[in-house]
Amino acid sequence: MARIGSSELDVFPLAFGGNVFGWTADEKESFELLDAYTAAGGNFIDTADVYSAWAPGNSGGESEAIIGRWFAARGKSKRDQVVLATKVGMHPDFKGLRAGTIKSAVEESLRRLRTDHIDLYYTHRDDPDTPVEEFLGALDQLVKEGKVRQIGASNISAERLSEALAASEREGLASYVALQQHYNLVERDGYEGPLAEVVSAHGLSSVPYYALASGFLTGKYRPGAAVDSARAGSAGKYLDSERGQRVLVALDEVAQAHGAEVATVALAWLAAQPTVVAPIASARTLAQLPALLAMADLTLTADELAKLNAASA
């Protein structure tokens, strides 16, 4: 287990992404995945109020509702074992970070999740039209009411994150303990640099999303291979890049040396990066889960990390 920033939240080194629940995994499959993940020692579940509004027939909140029904079916002891993260700001009915929006959205999330508190509540993306003092004040009130334990930020610039952290300190408000951002072996530029420096300087933890680049870093996307996946378009774009090809070669070599899956190595590289506490990855089937969970037991050597760094530079 590893601790998130300055919080009291201790988490398994892999967060399970709930974006698939109610989209590519139906309720029965979602329950099976949650059972298997927690049975293996996993305790960090990540979702958002908007998941999965993009799927035909959905309106947002489907993932939270499935998780809530799973909690109800498995009992209070299971809820107590889980560090539950969700997000606010992108649901079709609750867009942005105005104080009133946050106040209304959290009640809907709590209702769907069938819980009285959220362990880690992220602002899903920055709202430049809302002063940081306004949304931090709303989040601080939720912490005081016991509805939220800790807060995190997602999809925010280094400048705006610094502004929010300074406002929290100045005004005595709840402060971000985690950042969730796009970061993986083929997407390094957006995080490494100013954003990572702010996270490090303030003792936050990084919880990267798209840790497997929409499935590309599982190794199943190869030249000439047809993959039946809702994310094939997103993942396939990396095949056309020189960097993507170099990364696959390096991953194959390291994976072979450990007798491990490519996905396991990609997640282990991410977990070894400064500030990262737990990458987020999701599975649509039980067969995909073991390769993700195995990252908790894989430690890459300095030479292997250097090889992957060079390939992905």
Protein backbone atom coordinates (compact mmCIF):
# COMPACT_ATOMS: atom_id res chain seq x y z
CA MET A 1 0.00 0.00 0.00
CA ALA A 2 1.10 3.58 -0.65
CA ARG A 3 -0.16 6.84 0.83
CA ILE A 4 -1.77 9.55 -1.28
CA GLY A 5 0.05 12.83 -0.70
CA SER A 6 -0.46 14.29 2.76
CA SER A 7 -3.73 12.39 3.27
CA GLU A 8 -4.50 9.37 5.43
CA LEU A 9 -5.55 7.37 2.37
CA ASP A 10 -3.49 4.21 1.77
CA VAL A 11 -4.04 2.60 -1.62
CA PHE A 12 -3.11 -0.45 -3.67
CA PRO A 13 -0.53 0.50 -6.36
CA LEU A 14 -3.12 0.06 -9.13
CA ALA A 15 -6.38 2.00 -9.22
CA PHE A 16 -9.23 0.21 -11.01
CA GLY A 17 -10.86 2.46 -13.59
CA GLY A 18 -14.65 2.43 -13.50
CA ASN A 19 -15.10 4.11 -16.89
CA VAL A 20 -15.97 0.71 -18.40
CA PHE A 21 -18.89 0.06 -16.04
CA GLY A 22 -22.17 0.48 -17.91
CA TRP A 23 -20.27 0.87 -21.18
CA THR A 24 -18.06 -2.01 -22.34
CA ALA A 25 -18.75 -4.04 -19.17
CA ASP A 26 -22.37 -4.69 -18.19
CA GLU A 27 -23.49 -4.89 -14.56
CA LYS A 28 -22.79 -8.60 -14.14
CA GLU A 29 -19.31 -8.25 -15.65
CA SER A 30 -18.66 -5.12 -13.57
CA PHE A 31 -19.53 -6.96 -10.35
CA GLU A 32 -17.21 -9.82 -11.31
CA LEU A 33 -14.36 -7.40 -12.06
CA LEU A 34 -14.83 -5.52 -8.78
CA ASP A 35 -14.96 -8.81 -6.85
CA ALA A 36 -11.77 -10.06 -8.49
CA TYR A 37 -9.88 -6.79 -8.07
CA THR A 38 -10.71 -6.51 -4.37
CA ALA A 39 -10.10 -10.23 -3.76
CA ALA A 40 -6.57 -9.70 -5.08
CA GLY A 41 -5.98 -6.94 -2.53
CA GLY A 42 -7.07 -3.96 -4.63
CA ASN A 43 -8.81 -1.17 -2.72
CA PHE A 44 -8.71 1.91 -4.99
CA ILE A 45 -11.70 2.40 -7.30
CA ASP A 46 -11.88 5.39 -9.63
CA THR A 47 -15.01 6.68 -11.35
CA ALA A 48 -16.73 9.96 -12.27
CA ASP A 49 -20.28 11.28 -12.36
CA VAL A 50 -20.08 11.64 -16.16
CA TYR A 51 -19.22 7.95 -16.79
CA SER A 52 -20.47 6.80 -19.22
CA ALA A 53 -22.63 9.52 -20.77
CA TRP A 54 -20.93 9.01 -24.15
CA ALA A 55 -22.39 5.52 -24.64
CA PRO A 56 -25.64 5.22 -26.62
CA GLY A 57 -28.64 5.28 -24.28
CA ASN A 58 -26.63 6.57 -21.30
CA SER A 59 -27.00 9.94 -19.62
CA GLY A 60 -24.13 9.89 -17.09
CA GLY A 61 -23.92 8.30 -13.66
CA GLU A 62 -24.11 4.72 -14.90
CA SER A 63 -20.71 3.75 -13.51
CA GLU A 64 -21.42 5.27 -10.08
CA ALA A 65 -24.80 3.52 -9.96
CA ILE A 66 -23.25 0.12 -10.72
CA ILE A 67 -20.61 0.63 -8.03
CA GLY A 68 -23.34 1.68 -5.60
CA ARG A 69 -25.36 -1.47 -6.29
CA TRP A 70 -22.18 -3.54 -5.85
CA PHE A 71 -21.58 -1.92 -2.44
CA ALA A 72 -25.20 -2.64 -1.49
CA ALA A 73 -24.85 -6.27 -2.54
CA ARG A 74 -21.50 -6.84 -0.82
CA GLY A 75 -22.21 -4.99 2.45
CA LYS A 76 -20.81 -2.16 4.54
CA SER A 77 -17.56 -3.97 5.30
CA LYS A 78 -16.68 -3.91 1.60
CA ARG A 79 -17.38 -0.17 1.37
CA ASP A 80 -15.15 0.41 4.40
CA GLN A 81 -12.27 -1.43 2.70
CA VAL A 82 -12.38 0.68 -0.46
CA VAL A 83 -10.84 4.06 -1.20
CA LEU A 84 -13.50 5.47 -3.51
CA ALA A 85 -12.69 8.28 -5.92
CA THR A 86 -15.15 10.12 -8.14
CA LYS A 87 -15.24 13.45 -9.95
CA VAL A 88 -17.35 16.56 -10.49
CA GLY A 89 -17.62 19.06 -13.30
CA MET A 90 -18.34 17.16 -16.52
CA HIS A 91 -21.75 15.52 -16.00
CA PRO A 92 -24.19 16.82 -18.66
CA ASP A 93 -26.48 18.19 -15.93
CA PHE A 94 -23.69 19.51 -13.67
CA LYS A 95 -21.05 21.16 -15.82
CA GLY A 96 -18.40 23.42 -14.38
CA LEU A 97 -17.24 24.14 -10.85
CA ARG A 98 -19.56 26.81 -9.53
CA ALA A 99 -20.30 26.28 -5.84
CA GLY A 100 -23.97 25.48 -6.45
CA THR A 101 -23.08 22.95 -9.14
CA ILE A 102 -20.69 21.10 -6.84
CA LYS A 103 -23.22 21.12 -4.00
CA SER A 104 -25.92 19.58 -6.19
CA ALA A 105 -23.65 17.16 -8.04
CA VAL A 106 -22.16 15.60 -4.91
CA GLU A 107 -25.60 14.72 -3.58
CA GLU A 108 -26.39 12.87 -6.80
CA SER A 109 -23.05 11.04 -6.68
CA LEU A 110 -23.60 9.99 -3.05
CA ARG A 111 -27.10 8.76 -3.91
CA ARG A 112 -25.89 6.70 -6.87
CA LEU A 113 -22.90 5.33 -4.97
CA ARG A 114 -25.11 4.44 -1.98
CA THR A 115 -22.59 5.84 0.46
CA ASP A 116 -22.42 8.72 2.91
CA HIS A 117 -18.93 9.84 1.89
CA ILE A 118 -16.47 9.98 -1.00
CA ASP A 119 -12.85 9.31 -0.08
CA LEU A 120 -11.24 11.33 -2.89
CA TYR A 121 -13.30 13.89 -4.81
CA TYR A 122 -11.70 15.33 -7.95
CA THR A 123 -12.53 18.45 -9.88
CA HIS A 124 -12.75 16.64 -13.22
CA ARG A 125 -11.37 19.51 -15.25
CA ASP A 126 -10.54 23.12 -14.54
CA ASP A 127 -13.27 25.74 -14.93
CA PRO A 128 -11.43 28.95 -15.82
CA ASP A 129 -14.65 30.97 -15.46
CA THR A 130 -14.89 30.12 -11.75
CA PRO A 131 -12.43 31.60 -9.22
CA VAL A 132 -10.41 28.93 -7.41
CA GLU A 133 -11.62 30.37 -4.08
CA GLU A 134 -15.23 29.60 -5.05
CA PHE A 135 -14.84 25.92 -5.89
CA LEU A 136 -12.32 25.32 -3.12
CA GLY A 137 -14.75 26.89 -0.67
CA ALA A 138 -17.49 24.53 -1.83
CA LEU A 139 -15.18 21.52 -1.56
CA ASP A 140 -13.98 22.65 1.87
CA GLN A 141 -17.59 22.73 3.07
CA LEU A 142 -18.10 19.14 1.86
CA VAL A 143 -15.02 18.07 3.83
CA LYS A 144 -16.34 19.81 6.95
CA GLU A 145 -19.70 18.08 6.50
CA GLY A 146 -17.99 14.68 6.23
CA LYS A 147 -19.27 14.04 2.71
CA VAL A 148 -15.74 14.15 1.25
CA ARG A 149 -12.50 13.08 2.93
CA GLN A 150 -9.89 14.48 0.53
CA ILE A 151 -9.88 16.45 -2.72
CA GLY A 152 -7.94 16.09 -5.94
CA ALA A 153 -7.58 17.89 -9.27
CA SER A 154 -7.70 16.54 -12.80
CA ASN A 155 -7.00 18.13 -16.18
CA ILE A 156 -5.52 21.35 -14.84
CA SER A 157 -2.51 23.45 -15.82
CA ALA A 158 0.56 23.92 -13.65
CA GLU A 159 -0.30 27.60 -13.26
CA ARG A 160 -3.88 27.01 -12.20
CA LEU A 161 -2.88 24.17 -9.85
CA SER A 162 -0.34 26.48 -8.19
CA GLU A 163 -3.02 29.16 -7.87
CA ALA A 164 -5.43 26.71 -6.21
CA LEU A 165 -2.81 25.40 -3.79
CA ALA A 166 -1.83 28.94 -2.81
CA ALA A 167 -5.48 29.88 -2.25
CA SER A 168 -6.05 26.85 -0.01
CA GLU A 169 -3.08 27.80 2.13
CA ARG A 170 -3.99 31.48 2.24
CA GLU A 171 -7.69 30.97 3.02
CA GLY A 172 -7.32 27.90 5.24
CA LEU A 173 -9.37 25.74 2.84
CA ALA A 174 -9.15 22.04 2.00
CA SER A 175 -6.20 21.50 -0.32
CA TYR A 176 -5.60 19.14 -3.20
CA VAL A 177 -3.67 15.99 -2.27
CA ALA A 178 -3.65 14.32 -5.69
CA LEU A 179 -3.52 15.09 -9.39
CA GLN A 180 -5.06 12.86 -12.04
CA GLN A 181 -3.61 13.52 -15.48
CA HIS A 182 -2.96 11.90 -18.88
CA TYR A 183 0.41 10.16 -18.53
CA ASN A 184 1.95 6.99 -19.90
CA LEU A 185 4.95 5.73 -21.88
CA VAL A 186 3.74 7.33 -25.13
CA GLU A 187 2.24 10.47 -23.53
CA ARG A 188 4.89 12.07 -21.33
CA ASP A 189 5.12 15.69 -22.47
CA GLY A 190 1.90 16.92 -20.86
CA TYR A 191 2.94 15.93 -17.34
CA GLU A 192 6.72 15.84 -17.13
CA GLY A 193 7.97 19.37 -16.60
CA PRO A 194 6.10 22.23 -14.88
CA LEU A 195 3.05 20.18 -13.83
CA ALA A 196 5.10 17.39 -12.26
CA GLU A 197 7.27 20.00 -10.58
CA VAL A 198 4.25 21.59 -8.86
CA VAL A 199 3.01 18.16 -7.74
CA SER A 200 6.43 17.28 -6.32
CA ALA A 201 7.04 20.63 -4.66
CA HIS A 202 3.73 20.51 -2.79
CA GLY A 203 3.85 16.83 -1.83
CA LEU A 204 0.89 15.75 -3.97
CA SER A 205 0.54 12.29 -5.50
CA SER A 206 -0.03 11.56 -9.17
CA VAL A 207 -2.77 9.11 -10.21
CA PRO A 208 -2.38 8.93 -14.01
CA TYR A 209 -5.26 8.03 -16.32
CA TYR A 210 -4.94 6.39 -19.75
CA ALA A 211 -2.06 4.50 -18.13
CA LEU A 212 -2.15 1.97 -20.99
CA ALA A 213 -2.80 4.52 -23.77
CA SER A 214 -6.32 3.24 -24.51
CA GLY A 215 -4.93 -0.30 -24.72
CA PHE A 216 -1.96 0.37 -26.99
CA LEU A 217 0.48 -0.44 -24.18
CA THR A 218 -1.04 -3.90 -23.70
CA GLY A 219 0.82 -4.90 -26.86
CA LYS A 220 -2.27 -6.22 -28.61
CA TYR A 221 -2.16 -3.48 -31.26
CA ARG A 222 0.40 -4.49 -33.88
CA PRO A 223 0.79 -3.77 -37.60
CA GLY A 224 -1.82 -5.76 -39.47
CA ALA A 225 -3.66 -6.90 -36.32
CA ALA A 226 -7.39 -6.27 -36.07
CA VAL A 227 -8.61 -5.66 -32.51
CA ASP A 228 -12.28 -5.74 -31.53
CA SER A 229 -12.37 -2.92 -28.99
CA ALA A 230 -14.32 0.28 -28.43
CA ARG A 231 -10.94 2.00 -28.03
CA ALA A 232 -9.28 0.64 -31.17
CA GLY A 233 -9.32 4.03 -32.88
CA SER A 234 -7.65 5.82 -29.98
CA ALA A 235 -5.04 3.13 -29.45
CA GLY A 236 -4.31 2.56 -33.12
CA LYS A 237 -2.97 6.08 -33.65
CA TYR A 238 0.17 5.21 -31.69
CA LEU A 239 1.05 2.48 -34.19
CA ASP A 240 1.69 5.14 -36.80
CA SER A 241 4.30 6.92 -34.71
CA GLU A 242 8.00 6.15 -34.53
CA ARG A 243 7.86 6.57 -30.76
CA GLY A 244 5.06 4.01 -30.49
CA GLN A 245 7.04 1.44 -32.45
CA ARG A 246 10.19 2.03 -30.33
CA VAL A 247 8.20 1.67 -27.11
CA LEU A 248 6.67 -1.64 -28.22
CA VAL A 249 10.11 -3.07 -29.01
CA ALA A 250 11.47 -2.03 -25.60
CA LEU A 251 8.39 -3.31 -23.77
CA ASP A 252 8.66 -6.67 -25.55
CA GLU A 253 12.31 -7.02 -24.48
CA VAL A 254 11.66 -6.16 -20.84
CA ALA A 255 8.52 -8.29 -20.68
CA GLN A 256 10.38 -11.28 -22.08
CA ALA A 257 13.14 -10.88 -19.48
CA HIS A 258 10.57 -11.09 -16.68
CA GLY A 259 8.17 -13.57 -18.27
CA ALA A 260 5.57 -10.83 -17.89
CA GLU A 261 2.83 -9.31 -20.00
CA VAL A 262 3.55 -6.09 -21.89
CA ALA A 263 0.77 -4.31 -19.98
CA THR A 264 2.35 -5.30 -16.68
CA VAL A 265 5.67 -3.74 -17.67
CA ALA A 266 4.03 -0.53 -18.94
CA LEU A 267 2.22 -0.10 -15.63
CA ALA A 268 5.35 -0.93 -13.62
CA TRP A 269 7.27 1.78 -15.52
CA LEU A 270 4.57 4.31 -14.68
CA ALA A 271 4.45 3.28 -11.01
CA ALA A 272 8.22 3.81 -10.80
CA GLN A 273 8.01 7.44 -11.90
CA PRO A 274 8.50 10.22 -9.34
CA THR A 275 5.23 11.38 -7.70
CA VAL A 276 3.14 8.47 -9.09
CA VAL A 277 1.26 6.58 -6.37
CA ALA A 278 -1.08 4.42 -8.47
CA PRO A 279 -1.77 4.36 -12.21
CA ILE A 280 -5.40 3.87 -13.27
CA ALA A 281 -6.23 0.98 -15.58
CA SER A 282 -9.47 -0.73 -16.47
CA ALA A 283 -10.43 -4.16 -17.74
CA ARG A 284 -13.57 -5.19 -19.60
CA THR A 285 -13.14 -8.91 -18.91
CA LEU A 286 -11.76 -11.04 -16.10
CA ALA A 287 -9.14 -12.41 -18.49
CA GLN A 288 -7.59 -8.94 -18.79
CA LEU A 289 -7.27 -8.36 -15.04
CA PRO A 290 -4.28 -10.56 -14.01
CA ALA A 291 -1.83 -8.66 -16.24
CA LEU A 292 -2.89 -5.41 -14.58
CA LEU A 293 -2.70 -6.72 -11.02
CA ALA A 294 0.73 -8.27 -11.64
CA MET A 295 2.30 -4.80 -11.78
CA ALA A 296 2.15 -4.68 -7.98
CA ASP A 297 4.78 -7.45 -7.84
CA LEU A 298 7.04 -6.29 -10.68
CA THR A 299 10.04 -4.07 -9.92
CA LEU A 300 12.01 -2.95 -12.96
CA THR A 301 15.78 -2.55 -12.81
CA ALA A 302 17.49 0.79 -13.37
CA ASP A 303 18.70 -0.45 -16.77
CA GLU A 304 15.18 -1.51 -17.77
CA LEU A 305 13.74 1.84 -16.74
CA ALA A 306 16.49 3.60 -18.71
CA LYS A 307 15.71 1.48 -21.78
CA LEU A 308 12.01 2.37 -21.61
CA ASN A 309 12.80 6.03 -20.94
CA ALA A 310 15.04 6.18 -24.01
CA ALA A 311 12.49 4.45 -26.22
CA SER A 312 9.72 6.78 -25.15
CA ALA A 313 11.74 10.02 -25.20
